[in-house]
Protein backbone atom coordinates (compact mmCIF):
# COMPACT_ATOMS: atom_id res chain seq x y z
CA MET A 1 18.91 43.66 -9.43
CA PRO A 2 20.06 45.69 -12.45
CA PRO A 3 23.74 46.50 -12.83
CA THR A 4 25.01 49.56 -10.98
CA ALA A 5 27.11 52.27 -12.60
CA GLU A 6 30.15 50.66 -10.99
CA ASP A 7 29.20 47.28 -12.51
CA ARG A 8 28.96 48.92 -15.92
CA LEU A 9 32.33 50.62 -15.47
CA ARG A 10 33.94 47.29 -14.58
CA ASP A 11 32.27 45.66 -17.61
CA ILE A 12 33.74 48.38 -19.83
CA LEU A 13 37.18 47.94 -18.31
CA GLU A 14 37.10 44.15 -18.72
CA ALA A 15 35.90 44.31 -22.34
CA ILE A 16 38.58 46.85 -23.27
CA ALA A 17 41.23 44.67 -21.62
CA GLU A 18 40.06 41.68 -23.69
CA ILE A 19 40.19 43.73 -26.89
CA ASP A 20 43.66 45.04 -26.07
CA ALA A 21 44.98 41.55 -25.29
CA MET A 22 43.48 40.12 -28.45
CA LEU A 23 44.88 42.77 -30.77
CA ILE A 24 48.45 43.08 -29.52
CA GLY A 25 50.66 43.59 -32.55
CA TYR A 26 47.76 43.79 -35.01
CA ARG A 27 47.53 46.31 -37.83
CA LEU A 28 44.39 47.34 -39.66
CA GLU A 29 45.17 45.05 -42.58
CA GLN A 30 45.51 42.01 -40.31
CA PHE A 31 42.41 42.97 -38.37
CA THR A 32 40.37 43.35 -41.56
CA ALA A 33 41.50 39.95 -42.83
CA ASP A 34 40.97 38.10 -39.52
CA LYS A 35 37.26 37.43 -39.27
CA VAL A 36 37.43 35.70 -35.87
CA HIS A 37 39.32 38.55 -34.18
CA ARG A 38 37.16 41.13 -35.91
CA MET A 39 33.93 39.51 -34.78
CA ALA A 40 35.21 39.00 -31.22
CA THR A 41 36.24 42.65 -31.11
CA GLU A 42 32.81 43.69 -32.35
CA ARG A 43 31.18 41.65 -29.59
CA TYR A 44 33.35 43.21 -26.89
CA LEU A 45 32.61 46.64 -28.38
CA GLU A 46 28.91 45.86 -28.10
CA VAL A 47 29.46 45.29 -24.37
CA VAL A 48 31.43 48.54 -24.08
CA CYS A 49 28.87 50.52 -26.05
CA GLU A 50 25.87 49.14 -24.21
CA ALA A 51 27.46 49.69 -20.79
CA ALA A 52 28.58 53.23 -21.76
CA ARG A 53 25.14 54.04 -23.12
CA ARG A 54 23.58 53.07 -19.80
CA LEU A 55 25.96 55.06 -17.61
CA PRO A 56 24.20 57.91 -15.81
CA ASP A 57 24.53 61.27 -17.53
CA ASP A 58 26.23 62.83 -14.49
CA ILE A 59 29.11 60.38 -14.90
CA LYS A 60 29.44 61.07 -18.61
CA GLN A 61 29.29 64.83 -18.13
CA ASN A 62 32.48 64.65 -16.07
CA GLU A 63 34.46 63.54 -19.12
CA ARG A 64 34.06 65.82 -22.11
CA ASP A 65 37.08 64.35 -23.93
CA ILE A 66 35.17 61.17 -24.70
CA ASP A 67 33.02 61.15 -27.79
CA TRP A 68 30.06 59.46 -26.05
CA PRO A 69 27.96 59.24 -29.23
CA LYS A 70 30.84 57.35 -30.88
CA MET A 71 30.53 54.78 -28.09
CA ARG A 72 27.41 53.51 -29.79
CA LEU A 73 28.40 50.87 -32.26
CA ARG A 74 25.76 50.85 -34.94
CA HIS A 75 25.81 48.12 -37.49
CA ALA A 76 23.88 45.59 -39.37
CA TYR A 77 25.37 42.14 -39.13
CA HIS A 78 26.30 42.19 -42.82
CA GLU A 79 27.61 45.77 -43.00
CA THR A 80 30.07 46.32 -40.16
CA ASP A 81 33.02 48.33 -41.43
CA ALA A 82 36.30 46.97 -40.06
CA ALA A 83 37.96 50.38 -40.43
CA ILE A 84 35.33 52.00 -38.18
CA VAL A 85 35.71 49.27 -35.56
CA TRP A 86 39.49 49.68 -35.75
CA ASP A 87 39.17 53.47 -35.40
CA ILE A 88 37.03 53.12 -32.29
CA ASN A 89 39.55 50.70 -30.84
CA GLN A 90 42.60 52.81 -31.63
CA ASN A 91 41.28 56.33 -31.09
CA HIS A 92 38.37 56.21 -28.66
CA LEU A 93 38.80 53.25 -26.32
CA PRO A 94 42.09 54.46 -24.80
CA ARG A 95 40.43 57.65 -23.51
CA LEU A 96 37.43 55.69 -22.26
CA ASN A 97 39.73 53.17 -20.58
CA SER A 98 41.66 55.94 -18.79
CA PHE A 99 38.45 57.60 -17.65
CA VAL A 100 36.98 54.36 -16.32
CA LYS A 101 40.18 53.53 -14.43
CA ARG A 102 40.25 57.00 -12.88
CA ARG A 103 36.56 56.80 -11.99
CA ILE A 104 36.91 53.39 -10.34
CA GLN A 105 40.02 54.53 -8.46
CA THR A 106 38.30 57.73 -7.30
CA THR A 107 35.15 56.01 -6.09
CA GLY A 108 37.02 53.05 -4.67
CA LYS A 109 34.50 50.59 -6.03
């Protein structure tokens, strides 16, 4: 059976939690220099982006503060820009995280 919207929301929440835990105390310069953390963050962002992309439109329409198109990490394996990944993490994931928590709490699932 394919994942439900609630499954996707939980996947987003878990991936964001992993990113947050991994990057405690990091700055952009450290992140850029740390290939392992950068690549792990990119992988978790792929999970977030794919799950967000597959959320039903009616769920996304309830949250206009999230830049849904930005939740589509586009990259070629040799061209990922660490500053863009960092920007998504710092400026977009917190809003998405808050929305997902509220949505899960509201639906009780």
